[in-house]
Structure formats: structure tokens, C-alpha cells
PDB file of N, CA and C in Angstrom:
ATOM      1  N   MET A   1       0.833  -1.200   0.000  1.00  0.00           N
ATOM      2  CA  MET A   1       0.000   0.000   0.000  1.00  0.00           C
ATOM      3  C   MET A   1       0.870   1.252   0.000  1.00  0.00           C
ATOM      4  N   PHE A   2       1.947   1.229   0.816  1.00  0.00           N
ATOM      5  CA  PHE A   2       2.826   2.391   0.875  1.00  0.00           C
ATOM      6  C   PHE A   2       3.411   2.698  -0.492  1.00  0.00           C
ATOM      7  N   CYS A   3       3.780   1.658  -1.241  1.00  0.00           N
ATOM      8  CA  CYS A   3       4.358   1.863  -2.576  1.00  0.00           C
ATOM      9  C   CYS A   3       3.363   2.536  -3.504  1.00  0.00           C
ATOM     10  N   VAL A   4       2.107   2.137  -3.423  1.00  0.00           N
ATOM     11  CA  VAL A   4       1.077   2.733  -4.272  1.00  0.00           C
ATOM     12  C   VAL A   4       0.891   4.201  -3.922  1.00  0.00           C
ATOM     13  N   VAL A   5       0.799   4.497  -2.636  1.00  0.00           N
ATOM     14  CA  VAL A   5       0.621   5.882  -2.197  1.00  0.00           C
ATOM     15  C   VAL A   5       1.824   6.715  -2.589  1.00  0.00           C
ATOM     16  N   THR A   6       3.022   6.170  -2.411  1.00  0.00           N
ATOM     17  CA  THR A   6       4.236   6.900  -2.774  1.00  0.00           C
ATOM     18  C   THR A   6       4.271   7.164  -4.271  1.00  0.00           C
ATOM     19  N   ALA A   7       3.922   6.165  -5.056  1.00  0.00           N
ATOM     20  CA  ALA A   7       3.916   6.339  -6.514  1.00  0.00           C
ATOM     21  C   ALA A   7       2.894   7.390  -6.915  1.00  0.00           C
ATOM     22  N   LEU A   8       1.730   7.342  -6.313  1.00  0.00           N
ATOM     23  CA  LEU A   8       0.701   8.326  -6.650  1.00  0.00           C
ATOM     24  C   LEU A   8       1.060   9.717  -6.146  1.00  0.00           C
ATOM     25  N   ALA A   9       1.728   9.800  -5.013  1.00  0.00           N
ATOM     26  CA  ALA A   9       2.120  11.112  -4.485  1.00  0.00           C
ATOM     27  C   ALA A   9       3.076  11.804  -5.439  1.00  0.00           C
ATOM     28  N   GLY A  10       3.936  11.043  -6.076  1.00  0.00           N
ATOM     29  CA  GLY A  10       4.844  11.625  -7.048  1.00  0.00           C
ATOM     30  C   GLY A  10       4.121  12.124  -8.278  1.00  0.00           C
ATOM     31  N   CYS A  11       2.971  11.580  -8.559  1.00  0.00           N
ATOM     32  CA  CYS A  11       2.188  11.966  -9.735  1.00  0.00           C
ATOM     33  C   CYS A  11       0.984  12.816  -9.347  1.00  0.00           C
ATOM     34  N   ALA A  12       0.977  13.357  -8.158  1.00  0.00           N
ATOM     35  CA  ALA A  12      -0.202  14.044  -7.649  1.00  0.00           C
ATOM     36  C   ALA A  12      -0.522  15.321  -8.388  1.00  0.00           C
ATOM     37  N   GLU A  13       0.302  15.695  -9.346  1.00  0.00           N
ATOM     38  CA  GLU A  13       0.001  16.878 -10.134  1.00  0.00           C
ATOM     39  C   GLU A  13      -1.223  16.636 -11.017  1.00  0.00           C
ATOM     40  N   SER A  14      -1.521  15.378 -11.322  1.00  0.00           N
ATOM     41  CA  SER A  14      -2.700  15.095 -12.132  1.00  0.00           C
ATOM     42  C   SER A  14      -3.937  15.075 -11.237  1.00  0.00           C
ATOM     43  N   ARG A  15      -5.053  15.398 -11.807  1.00  0.00           N
ATOM     44  CA  ARG A  15      -6.291  15.442 -11.018  1.00  0.00           C
ATOM     45  C   ARG A  15      -6.682  14.064 -10.494  1.00  0.00           C
ATOM     46  N   LEU A  16      -6.551  13.034 -11.307  1.00  0.00           N
ATOM     47  CA  LEU A  16      -6.951  11.701 -10.889  1.00  0.00           C
ATOM     48  C   LEU A  16      -6.099  11.217  -9.728  1.00  0.00           C
ATOM     49  N   ALA A  17      -4.789  11.298  -9.886  1.00  0.00           N
ATOM     50  CA  ALA A  17      -3.914  10.845  -8.806  1.00  0.00           C
ATOM     51  C   ALA A  17      -4.138  11.669  -7.550  1.00  0.00           C
ATOM     52  N   GLY A  18      -4.296  12.964  -7.701  1.00  0.00           N
ATOM     53  CA  GLY A  18      -4.536  13.820  -6.548  1.00  0.00           C
ATOM     54  C   GLY A  18      -5.824  13.474  -5.835  1.00  0.00           C
ATOM     55  N   SER A  19      -6.861  13.200  -6.598  1.00  0.00           N
ATOM     56  CA  SER A  19      -8.129  12.878  -5.952  1.00  0.00           C
ATOM     57  C   SER A  19      -8.061  11.530  -5.249  1.00  0.00           C
ATOM     58  N   LEU A  20      -7.259  10.599  -5.758  1.00  0.00           N
ATOM     59  CA  LEU A  20      -7.113   9.305  -5.097  1.00  0.00           C
ATOM     60  C   LEU A  20      -6.309   9.414  -3.814  1.00  0.00           C
ATOM     61  N   VAL A  21      -5.250  10.223  -3.836  1.00  0.00           N
ATOM     62  CA  VAL A  21      -4.379  10.338  -2.673  1.00  0.00           C
ATOM     63  C   VAL A  21      -4.970  11.246  -1.606  1.00  0.00           C
ATOM     64  N   TYR A  22      -5.529  12.360  -2.019  1.00  0.00           N
ATOM     65  CA  TYR A  22      -5.969  13.382  -1.067  1.00  0.00           C
ATOM     66  C   TYR A  22      -7.483  13.446  -0.919  1.00  0.00           C
ATOM     67  N   MET A  23      -8.166  12.367  -1.210  1.00  0.00           N
ATOM     68  CA  MET A  23      -9.616  12.372  -1.159  1.00  0.00           C
ATOM     69  C   MET A  23     -10.094  12.706   0.254  1.00  0.00           C
ATOM     70  N   GLU A  24     -10.715  13.831   0.387  1.00  0.00           N
ATOM     71  CA  GLU A  24     -11.237  14.270   1.679  1.00  0.00           C
ATOM     72  C   GLU A  24     -12.556  14.985   1.445  1.00  0.00           C
ATOM     73  N   PRO A  25     -13.425  14.971   2.420  1.00  0.00           N
ATOM     74  CA  PRO A  25     -14.676  15.726   2.276  1.00  0.00           C
ATOM     75  C   PRO A  25     -14.428  17.212   2.565  1.00  0.00           C
ATOM     76  N   TYR A  26     -13.938  17.930   1.569  1.00  0.00           N
ATOM     77  CA  TYR A  26     -13.609  19.338   1.777  1.00  0.00           C
ATOM     78  C   TYR A  26     -14.835  20.184   2.068  1.00  0.00           C
ATOM     79  N   GLY A  27     -15.972  19.862   1.498  1.00  0.00           N
ATOM     80  CA  GLY A  27     -17.154  20.675   1.712  1.00  0.00           C
ATOM     81  C   GLY A  27     -16.960  22.095   1.216  1.00  0.00           C
ATOM     82  N   LEU A  28     -16.386  22.238   0.030  1.00  0.00           N
ATOM     83  CA  LEU A  28     -16.068  23.566  -0.491  1.00  0.00           C
ATOM     84  C   LEU A  28     -17.299  24.443  -0.697  1.00  0.00           C
ATOM     85  N   GLU A  29     -18.442  23.818  -0.858  1.00  0.00           N
ATOM     86  CA  GLU A  29     -19.654  24.596  -1.093  1.00  0.00           C
ATOM     87  C   GLU A  29     -19.969  25.540   0.057  1.00  0.00           C
ATOM     88  N   LYS A  30     -19.572  25.154   1.255  1.00  0.00           N
ATOM     89  CA  LYS A  30     -19.904  25.969   2.426  1.00  0.00           C
ATOM     90  C   LYS A  30     -18.982  27.175   2.594  1.00  0.00           C
ATOM     91  N   PHE A  31     -17.851  27.216   1.858  1.00  0.00           N
ATOM     92  CA  PHE A  31     -16.917  28.323   1.993  1.00  0.00           C
ATOM     93  C   PHE A  31     -17.335  29.495   1.111  1.00  0.00           C
ATOM     94  N   ASP A  32     -17.297  30.694   1.679  1.00  0.00           N
ATOM     95  CA  ASP A  32     -17.557  31.877   0.866  1.00  0.00           C
ATOM     96  C   ASP A  32     -16.250  32.293   0.183  1.00  0.00           C
ATOM     97  N   CYS A  33     -16.328  33.318  -0.646  1.00  0.00           N
ATOM     98  CA  CYS A  33     -15.167  33.761  -1.420  1.00  0.00           C
ATOM     99  C   CYS A  33     -14.004  34.183  -0.520  1.00  0.00           C
ATOM    100  N   ALA A  34     -14.300  34.864   0.558  1.00  0.00           N
ATOM    101  CA  ALA A  34     -13.233  35.323   1.453  1.00  0.00           C
ATOM    102  C   ALA A  34     -12.477  34.141   2.051  1.00  0.00           C
ATOM    103  N   GLU A  35     -13.206  33.112   2.479  1.00  0.00           N
ATOM    104  CA  GLU A  35     -12.569  31.931   3.066  1.00  0.00           C
ATOM    105  C   GLU A  35     -11.765  31.171   2.012  1.00  0.00           C
ATOM    106  N   LEU A  36     -12.302  31.060   0.812  1.00  0.00           N
ATOM    107  CA  LEU A  36     -11.574  30.383  -0.258  1.00  0.00           C
ATOM    108  C   LEU A  36     -10.275  31.110  -0.585  1.00  0.00           C
ATOM    109  N   LYS A  37     -10.331  32.432  -0.636  1.00  0.00           N
ATOM    110  CA  LYS A  37      -9.122  33.211  -0.931  1.00  0.00           C
ATOM    111  C   LYS A  37      -8.091  33.060   0.178  1.00  0.00           C
ATOM    112  N   LYS A  38      -8.563  33.016   1.414  1.00  0.00           N
ATOM    113  CA  LYS A  38      -7.652  32.840   2.549  1.00  0.00           C
ATOM    114  C   LYS A  38      -6.956  31.482   2.465  1.00  0.00           C
ATOM    115  N   ARG A  39      -7.720  30.442   2.170  1.00  0.00           N
ATOM    116  CA  ARG A  39      -7.153  29.100   2.069  1.00  0.00           C
ATOM    117  C   ARG A  39      -6.234  28.984   0.852  1.00  0.00           C
ATOM    118  N   TYR A  40      -6.578  29.652  -0.237  1.00  0.00           N
ATOM    119  CA  TYR A  40      -5.719  29.669  -1.421  1.00  0.00           C
ATOM    120  C   TYR A  40      -4.382  30.329  -1.086  1.00  0.00           C
ATOM    121  N   ALA A  41      -4.439  31.436  -0.369  1.00  0.00           N
ATOM    122  CA  ALA A  41      -3.209  32.132   0.013  1.00  0.00           C
ATOM    123  C   ALA A  41      -2.353  31.267   0.944  1.00  0.00           C
ATOM    124  N   GLN A  42      -2.989  30.555   1.874  1.00  0.00           N
ATOM    125  CA  GLN A  42      -2.250  29.667   2.775  1.00  0.00           C
ATOM    126  C   GLN A  42      -1.581  28.538   1.991  1.00  0.00           C
ATOM    127  N   ALA A  43      -2.312  27.959   1.047  1.00  0.00           N
ATOM    128  CA  ALA A  43      -1.740  26.882   0.236  1.00  0.00           C
ATOM    129  C   ALA A  43      -0.591  27.412  -0.616  1.00  0.00           C
ATOM    130  N   SER A  44      -0.743  28.609  -1.159  1.00  0.00           N
ATOM    131  CA  SER A  44       0.313  29.205  -1.980  1.00  0.00           C
ATOM    132  C   SER A  44       1.558  29.475  -1.156  1.00  0.00           C
ATOM    133  N   GLU A  45       1.375  29.917   0.073  1.00  0.00           N
ATOM    134  CA  GLU A  45       2.521  30.156   0.951  1.00  0.00           C
ATOM    135  C   GLU A  45       3.205  28.836   1.309  1.00  0.00           C
ATOM    136  N   LYS A  46       2.426  27.796   1.506  1.00  0.00           N
ATOM    137  CA  LYS A  46       2.987  26.471   1.793  1.00  0.00           C
ATOM    138  C   LYS A  46       3.800  25.976   0.595  1.00  0.00           C
ATOM    139  N   VAL A  47       3.301  26.201  -0.620  1.00  0.00           N
ATOM    140  CA  VAL A  47       4.038  25.816  -1.827  1.00  0.00           C
ATOM    141  C   VAL A  47       5.382  26.537  -1.867  1.00  0.00           C
ATOM    142  N   LYS A  48       5.368  27.839  -1.612  1.00  0.00           N
ATOM    143  CA  LYS A  48       6.610  28.616  -1.626  1.00  0.00           C
ATOM    144  C   LYS A  48       7.584  28.134  -0.554  1.00  0.00           C
ATOM    145  N   ALA A  49       7.070  27.826   0.630  1.00  0.00           N
ATOM    146  CA  ALA A  49       7.927  27.348   1.715  1.00  0.00           C
ATOM    147  C   ALA A  49       8.560  26.002   1.350  1.00  0.00           C
ATOM    148  N   GLN A  50       7.770  25.114   0.765  1.00  0.00           N
ATOM    149  CA  GLN A  50       8.301  23.816   0.362  1.00  0.00           C
ATOM    150  C   GLN A  50       9.334  23.981  -0.749  1.00  0.00           C
ATOM    151  N   GLU A  51       9.092  24.900  -1.678  1.00  0.00           N
ATOM    152  CA  GLU A  51      10.054  25.146  -2.754  1.00  0.00           C
ATOM    153  C   GLU A  51      11.378  25.657  -2.190  1.00  0.00           C
ATOM    154  N   ARG A  52      11.310  26.519  -1.175  1.00  0.00           N
ATOM    155  CA  ARG A  52      12.540  27.010  -0.545  1.00  0.00           C
ATOM    156  C   ARG A  52      13.316  25.864   0.108  1.00  0.00           C
ATOM    157  N   LEU A  53      12.596  24.982   0.812  1.00  0.00           N
ATOM    158  CA  LEU A  53      13.248  23.831   1.440  1.00  0.00           C
ATOM    159  C   LEU A  53      13.872  22.907   0.391  1.00  0.00           C
ATOM    160  N   MET A  54      13.138  22.698  -0.690  1.00  0.00           N
ATOM    161  CA  MET A  54      13.632  21.820  -1.745  1.00  0.00           C
ATOM    162  C   MET A  54      14.851  22.427  -2.439  1.00  0.00           C
ATOM    163  N   ASP A  55      14.844  23.730  -2.634  1.00  0.00           N
ATOM    164  CA  ASP A  55      16.000  24.396  -3.241  1.00  0.00           C
ATOM    165  C   ASP A  55      17.226  24.251  -2.350  1.00  0.00           C
ATOM    166  N   ARG A  56      17.035  24.414  -1.055  1.00  0.00           N
ATOM    167  CA  ARG A  56      18.143  24.297  -0.111  1.00  0.00           C
ATOM    168  C   ARG A  56      18.682  22.864  -0.097  1.00  0.00           C
ATOM    169  N   ALA A  57      17.790  21.876  -0.133  1.00  0.00           N
ATOM    170  CA  ALA A  57      18.220  20.476  -0.112  1.00  0.00           C
ATOM    171  C   ALA A  57      18.917  20.080  -1.411  1.00  0.00           C
ATOM    172  N   SER A  58      18.587  20.734  -2.499  1.00  0.00           N
ATOM    173  CA  SER A  58      19.184  20.397  -3.794  1.00  0.00           C
ATOM    174  C   SER A  58      20.687  20.613  -3.819  1.00  0.00           C
ATOM    175  N   GLY A  59      21.197  21.411  -2.903  1.00  0.00           N
ATOM    176  CA  GLY A  59      22.624  21.677  -2.846  1.00  0.00           C
ATOM    177  C   GLY A  59      23.455  20.515  -2.339  1.00  0.00           C
ATOM    178  N   SER A  60      22.838  19.507  -1.762  1.00  0.00           N
ATOM    179  CA  SER A  60      23.589  18.375  -1.224  1.00  0.00           C
ATOM    180  C   SER A  60      23.507  17.184  -2.177  1.00  0.00           C
ATOM    181  N   ALA A  61      24.376  16.216  -1.963  1.00  0.00           N
ATOM    182  CA  ALA A  61      24.385  15.013  -2.797  1.00  0.00           C
ATOM    183  C   ALA A  61      23.091  14.212  -2.640  1.00  0.00           C
ATOM    184  N   ALA A  62      22.522  14.249  -1.458  1.00  0.00           N
ATOM    185  CA  ALA A  62      21.284  13.501  -1.197  1.00  0.00           C
ATOM    186  C   ALA A  62      20.048  14.328  -1.513  1.00  0.00           C
ATOM    187  N   GLY A  63      20.217  15.506  -2.064  1.00  0.00           N
ATOM    188  CA  GLY A  63      19.107  16.417  -2.325  1.00  0.00           C
ATOM    189  C   GLY A  63      17.942  15.816  -3.080  1.00  0.00           C
ATOM    190  N   PRO A  64      18.172  15.141  -4.216  1.00  0.00           N
ATOM    191  CA  PRO A  64      17.041  14.570  -4.950  1.00  0.00           C
ATOM    192  C   PRO A  64      16.242  13.558  -4.126  1.00  0.00           C
ATOM    193  N   VAL A  65      16.941  12.758  -3.336  1.00  0.00           N
ATOM    194  CA  VAL A  65      16.245  11.773  -2.504  1.00  0.00           C
ATOM    195  C   VAL A  65      15.457  12.474  -1.405  1.00  0.00           C
ATOM    196  N   VAL A  66      16.083  13.438  -0.754  1.00  0.00           N
ATOM    197  CA  VAL A  66      15.405  14.192   0.306  1.00  0.00           C
ATOM    198  C   VAL A  66      14.184  14.906  -0.269  1.00  0.00           C
ATOM    199  N   ASN A  67      14.339  15.523  -1.423  1.00  0.00           N
ATOM    200  CA  ASN A  67      13.216  16.240  -2.036  1.00  0.00           C
ATOM    201  C   ASN A  67      12.058  15.308  -2.356  1.00  0.00           C
ATOM    202  N   THR A  68      12.376  14.127  -2.860  1.00  0.00           N
ATOM    203  CA  THR A  68      11.326  13.182  -3.229  1.00  0.00           C
ATOM    204  C   THR A  68      10.655  12.565  -2.015  1.00  0.00           C
ATOM    205  N   VAL A  69      11.445  12.125  -1.064  1.00  0.00           N
ATOM    206  CA  VAL A  69      10.911  11.375   0.074  1.00  0.00           C
ATOM    207  C   VAL A  69      10.374  12.286   1.171  1.00  0.00           C
ATOM    208  N   VAL A  70      11.117  13.330   1.502  1.00  0.00           N
ATOM    209  CA  VAL A  70      10.748  14.172   2.647  1.00  0.00           C
ATOM    210  C   VAL A  70       9.817  15.304   2.228  1.00  0.00           C
ATOM    211  N   TYR A  71      10.217  16.083   1.236  1.00  0.00           N
ATOM    212  CA  TYR A  71       9.459  17.284   0.880  1.00  0.00           C
ATOM    213  C   TYR A  71       8.411  17.053  -0.207  1.00  0.00           C
ATOM    214  N   GLY A  72       8.603  16.042  -1.024  1.00  0.00           N
ATOM    215  CA  GLY A  72       7.706  15.793  -2.148  1.00  0.00           C
ATOM    216  C   GLY A  72       6.237  15.659  -1.780  1.00  0.00           C
ATOM    217  N   PRO A  73       5.899  14.812  -0.805  1.00  0.00           N
ATOM    218  CA  PRO A  73       4.478  14.656  -0.465  1.00  0.00           C
ATOM    219  C   PRO A  73       3.824  15.955   0.039  1.00  0.00           C
ATOM    220  N   ASP A  74       4.540  16.706   0.878  1.00  0.00           N
ATOM    221  CA  ASP A  74       3.980  17.974   1.374  1.00  0.00           C
ATOM    222  C   ASP A  74       3.832  18.980   0.249  1.00  0.00           C
ATOM    223  N   TYR A  75       4.810  19.003  -0.654  1.00  0.00           N
ATOM    224  CA  TYR A  75       4.744  19.916  -1.797  1.00  0.00           C
ATOM    225  C   TYR A  75       3.565  19.557  -2.697  1.00  0.00           C
ATOM    226  N   SER A  76       3.396  18.267  -2.973  1.00  0.00           N
ATOM    227  CA  SER A  76       2.284  17.827  -3.820  1.00  0.00           C
ATOM    228  C   SER A  76       0.944  18.161  -3.186  1.00  0.00           C
ATOM    229  N   ARG A  77       0.857  17.968  -1.886  1.00  0.00           N
ATOM    230  CA  ARG A  77      -0.395  18.272  -1.183  1.00  0.00           C
ATOM    231  C   ARG A  77      -0.705  19.770  -1.241  1.00  0.00           C
ATOM    232  N   ALA A  78       0.319  20.596  -1.035  1.00  0.00           N
ATOM    233  CA  ALA A  78       0.113  22.048  -1.087  1.00  0.00           C
ATOM    234  C   ALA A  78      -0.303  22.478  -2.489  1.00  0.00           C
ATOM    235  N   ARG A  79       0.317  21.903  -3.527  1.00  0.00           N
ATOM    236  CA  ARG A  79      -0.061  22.236  -4.909  1.00  0.00           C
ATOM    237  C   ARG A  79      -1.490  21.796  -5.182  1.00  0.00           C
ATOM    238  N   TRP A  80      -1.863  20.623  -4.671  1.00  0.00           N
ATOM    239  CA  TRP A  80      -3.219  20.128  -4.857  1.00  0.00           C
ATOM    240  C   TRP A  80      -4.222  21.075  -4.198  1.00  0.00           C
ATOM    241  N   ASP A  81      -3.943  21.478  -2.961  1.00  0.00           N
ATOM    242  CA  ASP A  81      -4.826  22.408  -2.265  1.00  0.00           C
ATOM    243  C   ASP A  81      -4.918  23.732  -3.020  1.00  0.00           C
ATOM    244  N   GLN A  82      -3.785  24.226  -3.503  1.00  0.00           N
ATOM    245  CA  GLN A  82      -3.759  25.486  -4.242  1.00  0.00           C
ATOM    246  C   GLN A  82      -4.666  25.395  -5.476  1.00  0.00           C
ATOM    247  N   ARG A  83      -4.552  24.311  -6.213  1.00  0.00           N
ATOM    248  CA  ARG A  83      -5.398  24.134  -7.402  1.00  0.00           C
ATOM    249  C   ARG A  83      -6.864  23.964  -7.024  1.00  0.00           C
ATOM    250  N   LEU A  84      -7.117  23.226  -5.954  1.00  0.00           N
ATOM    251  CA  LEU A  84      -8.482  22.981  -5.518  1.00  0.00           C
ATOM    252  C   LEU A  84      -9.185  24.291  -5.160  1.00  0.00           C
ATOM    253  N   TYR A  85      -8.534  25.091  -4.317  1.00  0.00           N
ATOM    254  CA  TYR A  85      -9.151  26.354  -3.901  1.00  0.00           C
ATOM    255  C   TYR A  85      -9.205  27.347  -5.059  1.00  0.00           C
ATOM    256  N   GLY A  86      -8.176  27.378  -5.895  1.00  0.00           N
ATOM    257  CA  GLY A  86      -8.194  28.260  -7.055  1.00  0.00           C
ATOM    258  C   GLY A  86      -9.317  27.910  -8.020  1.00  0.00           C
ATOM    259  N   GLY A  87      -9.529  26.612  -8.222  1.00  0.00           N
ATOM    260  CA  GLY A  87     -10.628  26.173  -9.088  1.00  0.00           C
ATOM    261  C   GLY A  87     -11.985  26.534  -8.524  1.00  0.00           C
ATOM    262  N   GLU A  88     -12.124  26.419  -7.216  1.00  0.00           N
ATOM    263  CA  GLU A  88     -13.404  26.775  -6.582  1.00  0.00           C
ATOM    264  C   GLU A  88     -13.645  28.275  -6.638  1.00  0.00           C
ATOM    265  N   ILE A  89     -12.579  29.072  -6.522  1.00  0.00           N
ATOM    266  CA  ILE A  89     -12.703  30.525  -6.655  1.00  0.00           C
ATOM    267  C   ILE A  89     -13.226  30.866  -8.044  1.00  0.00           C
ATOM    268  N   GLU A  90     -12.684  30.202  -9.064  1.00  0.00           N
ATOM    269  CA  GLU A  90     -13.156  30.433 -10.433  1.00  0.00           C
ATOM    270  C   GLU A  90     -14.590  29.953 -10.607  1.00  0.00           C
ATOM    271  N   ARG A  91     -14.896  28.766 -10.071  1.00  0.00           N
ATOM    272  CA  ARG A  91     -16.239  28.196 -10.231  1.00  0.00           C
ATOM    273  C   ARG A  91     -17.312  29.082  -9.608  1.00  0.00           C
ATOM    274  N   LYS A  92     -16.985  29.699  -8.476  1.00  0.00           N
ATOM    275  CA  LYS A  92     -17.951  30.556  -7.797  1.00  0.00           C
ATOM    276  C   LYS A  92     -17.932  31.988  -8.327  1.00  0.00           C
ATOM    277  N   ASN A  93     -17.120  32.239  -9.344  1.00  0.00           N
ATOM    278  CA  ASN A  93     -17.000  33.572  -9.939  1.00  0.00           C
ATOM    279  C   ASN A  93     -16.618  34.633  -8.918  1.00  0.00           C
ATOM    280  N   CYS A  94     -15.745  34.258  -8.005  1.00  0.00           N
ATOM    281  CA  CYS A  94     -15.210  35.229  -7.053  1.00  0.00           C
ATOM    282  C   CYS A  94     -14.199  36.095  -7.798  1.00  0.00           C
ATOM    283  N   ASP A  95     -13.893  37.247  -7.236  1.00  0.00           N
ATOM    284  CA  ASP A  95     -12.790  38.017  -7.785  1.00  0.00           C
ATOM    285  C   ASP A  95     -11.558  37.130  -7.697  1.00  0.00           C
ATOM    286  N   PRO A  96     -10.626  37.279  -8.622  1.00  0.00           N
ATOM    287  CA  PRO A  96      -9.420  36.437  -8.536  1.00  0.00           C
ATOM    288  C   PRO A  96      -8.718  36.618  -7.193  1.00  0.00           C
ATOM    289  N   ALA A  97      -8.055  35.562  -6.774  1.00  0.00           N
ATOM    290  CA  ALA A  97      -7.286  35.639  -5.532  1.00  0.00           C
ATOM    291  C   ALA A  97      -6.213  36.704  -5.683  1.00  0.00           C
ATOM    292  N   PRO A  98      -5.982  37.503  -4.655  1.00  0.00           N
ATOM    293  CA  PRO A  98      -4.960  38.540  -4.767  1.00  0.00           C
ATOM    294  C   PRO A  98      -3.596  37.914  -4.982  1.00  0.00           C
ATOM    295  N   PRO A  99      -2.780  38.526  -5.835  1.00  0.00           N
ATOM    296  CA  PRO A  99      -1.447  37.955  -6.036  1.00  0.00           C
ATOM    297  C   PRO A  99      -0.647  38.047  -4.752  1.00  0.00           C
ATOM    298  N   LEU A 100       0.172  37.058  -4.535  1.00  0.00           N
ATOM    299  CA  LEU A 100       1.005  37.050  -3.338  1.00  0.00           C
ATOM    300  C   LEU A 100       2.137  38.039  -3.514  1.00  0.00           C
ATOM    301  N   ALA A 101       2.512  38.681  -2.446  1.00  0.00           N
ATOM    302  CA  ALA A 101       3.608  39.647  -2.492  1.00  0.00           C
ATOM    303  C   ALA A 101       4.902  38.916  -2.824  1.00  0.00           C
ATOM    304  N   LEU A 102       5.623  39.434  -3.784  1.00  0.00           N
ATOM    305  CA  LEU A 102       6.896  38.843  -4.156  1.00  0.00           C
ATOM    306  C   LEU A 102       7.973  39.336  -3.203  1.00  0.00           C
ATOM    307  N   GLU A 103       8.901  38.445  -2.909  1.00  0.00           N
ATOM    308  CA  GLU A 103       9.989  38.833  -2.031  1.00  0.00           C
ATOM    309  C   GLU A 103      10.908  39.800  -2.775  1.00  0.00           C
ATOM    310  N   PRO A 104      11.359  40.859  -2.119  1.00  0.00           N
ATOM    311  CA  PRO A 104      12.252  41.813  -2.795  1.00  0.00           C
ATOM    312  C   PRO A 104      13.594  41.152  -3.091  1.00  0.00           C
ATOM    313  N   PRO A 105      14.227  41.530  -4.206  1.00  0.00           N
ATOM    314  CA  PRO A 105      15.528  40.937  -4.514  1.00  0.00           C
ATOM    315  C   PRO A 105      16.555  41.355  -3.463  1.00  0.00           C
ATOM    316  N   HIS A 106      17.490  40.480  -3.216  1.00  0.00           N
ATOM    317  CA  HIS A 106      18.515  40.740  -2.192  1.00  0.00           C
ATOM    318  C   HIS A 106      19.666  41.493  -2.769  1.00  0.00           C
TER     319      HIS A 106
END
């Protein structure tokens, strides 16, 4: 079972694999636009945080393994949530989610 979940987690970018791995009763219908935007922003921040961790791990020899095993599932889940909430924002014809503030260059 673990092998199946791991294999699907790596492919969670697709809707089918994502729905199989992350199947939960989200109850998105009950969320208003403000709540959806808040959750979208949280998921987007989680994606950025995971990307930063993955970039840092890439500098080591074990980076690809660490990224796949340790950070990959959390990153896939955050991307799935981001797409889920973004799709619901579009479906409900809410104003687009506000763009996230970009970090200033160093």
C-alpha cells in the first residue's frame, strides 16, 4: 500500500492521482469567497515554503532523494490544495485571488 501511495504522491500533479491520494470531504460549497481566498493564500505560501526547502536540499548530494521522500508529499499536497481552492474561486465567480507579495531581490 505504501508503494502505491508513494507512486501516486509523485504523480499528484494530475487530477486523478490527486483525488485518489488526497480524497477528503472538503465541503467547499460551504466556503464563501473570502474563506476560499484565505485558504488559497495559505496553500500558496505552503508551496513557496516547500520550494525554498527543496532548493536548499538540492545543494547536497542527497538532495534529490530528500526532495522526493521528505518534501515531495507535502509539496504535492500544497499544490493540490492550491489548485483545488483556485478552481473553486473560479467556479464561484469570485474576484481572482490577490497575487502574493513577491519577495524583494537581495
